[in-house]
Amino acid sequence: MKLAATKIFASEAAHLPHRPGCGYGPIEYREHCEVGELQFDFYNGAMSSNNCEALLNAYRTALARATKVLLLTGGRDY
C-alpha cells in the first residue's frame, strides 16, 4: 500500500502481513565480515521527513559499528 493509505488506515494496516518487495520496505542493516550494508527502499524514491530522520539514525548507528566499509544500497531499482 502507498504511504498515504497506510497513514489514513493505520490501525487496519497494522494487522496486515508484511509482504517483502511490496510497498515500503524497512531500512535494513547487515554485516558481511568487515563490510556493513545499509539498505533502504523508498517508494519511487520519495522520502518523508520521518524517513530521512530514520535513515540518518540508521546511518549513524551503522557508522558506530566495527566495520571498515559501509555500503549504502537502495531498493530493487538500484
Protein backbone atom coordinates (compact mmCIF):
# COMPACT_ATOMS: atom_id res chain seq x y z
CA MET A 1 0.00 0.00 0.00
CA LYS A 2 1.13 3.55 -0.58
CA LEU A 3 2.29 5.58 2.40
CA ALA A 4 -0.74 7.89 2.48
CA ALA A 5 -3.11 4.92 2.65
CA THR A 6 -1.13 3.35 5.49
CA LYS A 7 -1.36 6.61 7.45
CA ILE A 8 -5.10 7.03 6.87
CA PHE A 9 -5.81 3.38 7.68
CA ALA A 10 -3.04 2.94 10.26
CA SER A 11 -4.99 0.70 12.65
CA GLU A 12 -6.22 -1.52 9.80
CA ALA A 13 -2.81 -1.63 8.11
CA ALA A 14 -1.11 -2.64 11.37
CA HIS A 15 -2.79 -6.03 11.16
CA LEU A 16 -1.75 -6.77 7.56
CA PRO A 17 1.09 -9.23 6.99
CA HIS A 18 4.36 -7.86 5.64
CA ARG A 19 5.00 -8.89 2.04
CA PRO A 20 8.66 -8.46 1.05
CA GLY A 21 9.14 -6.47 -2.13
CA CYS A 22 5.78 -4.71 -1.92
CA GLY A 23 5.21 -1.11 -0.93
CA TYR A 24 7.56 0.37 1.64
CA GLY A 25 10.36 -1.83 2.85
CA PRO A 26 12.02 -1.10 6.15
CA ILE A 27 15.53 0.19 6.47
CA GLU A 28 17.75 -2.86 6.97
CA TYR A 29 21.32 -3.28 8.13
CA ARG A 30 23.51 -6.34 7.51
CA GLU A 31 27.16 -7.13 8.04
CA HIS A 32 29.38 -9.27 5.86
CA CYS A 33 32.72 -9.66 7.67
CA GLU A 34 34.12 -6.10 7.87
CA VAL A 35 31.56 -4.59 5.49
CA GLY A 36 28.29 -3.09 6.68
CA GLU A 37 25.35 -2.70 4.31
CA LEU A 38 22.60 -0.18 4.98
CA GLN A 39 19.73 -0.98 2.60
CA PHE A 40 16.68 1.22 2.13
CA ASP A 41 13.88 1.22 -0.41
CA PHE A 42 11.55 4.20 -0.55
CA TYR A 43 8.63 4.03 -2.97
CA ASN A 44 9.51 5.95 -6.16
CA GLY A 45 12.45 7.43 -4.28
CA ALA A 46 10.16 9.64 -2.20
CA MET A 47 11.25 10.25 1.37
CA SER A 48 9.23 11.95 4.08
CA SER A 49 10.89 13.88 6.91
CA ASN A 50 10.36 10.82 9.14
CA ASN A 51 12.03 8.60 6.51
CA CYS A 52 15.00 10.98 6.37
CA GLU A 53 15.35 11.01 10.15
CA ALA A 54 15.08 7.20 10.35
CA LEU A 55 17.71 6.79 7.62
CA LEU A 56 20.03 9.30 9.32
CA ASN A 57 19.69 7.46 12.65
CA ALA A 58 20.36 4.12 10.95
CA TYR A 59 23.38 5.63 9.18
CA ARG A 60 24.83 6.98 12.43
CA THR A 61 24.26 3.64 14.16
CA ALA A 62 25.92 1.78 11.28
CA LEU A 63 28.95 4.10 11.41
CA ALA A 64 29.40 3.22 15.09
CA ARG A 65 29.84 -0.47 14.23
CA ALA A 66 33.32 -2.01 13.98
CA THR A 67 33.28 -2.30 10.20
CA LYS A 68 35.76 -0.86 7.72
CA VAL A 69 33.34 -0.16 4.87
CA LEU A 70 29.71 0.94 4.81
CA LEU A 71 27.66 0.32 1.67
CA LEU A 72 24.52 2.37 1.13
CA THR A 73 22.23 0.37 -1.12
CA GLY A 74 18.84 1.27 -2.47
CA GLY A 75 15.97 -0.98 -3.36
CA ARG A 76 15.21 -3.17 -6.34
CA ASP A 77 15.72 -0.30 -8.79
CA TYR A 78 19.43 0.01 -7.92
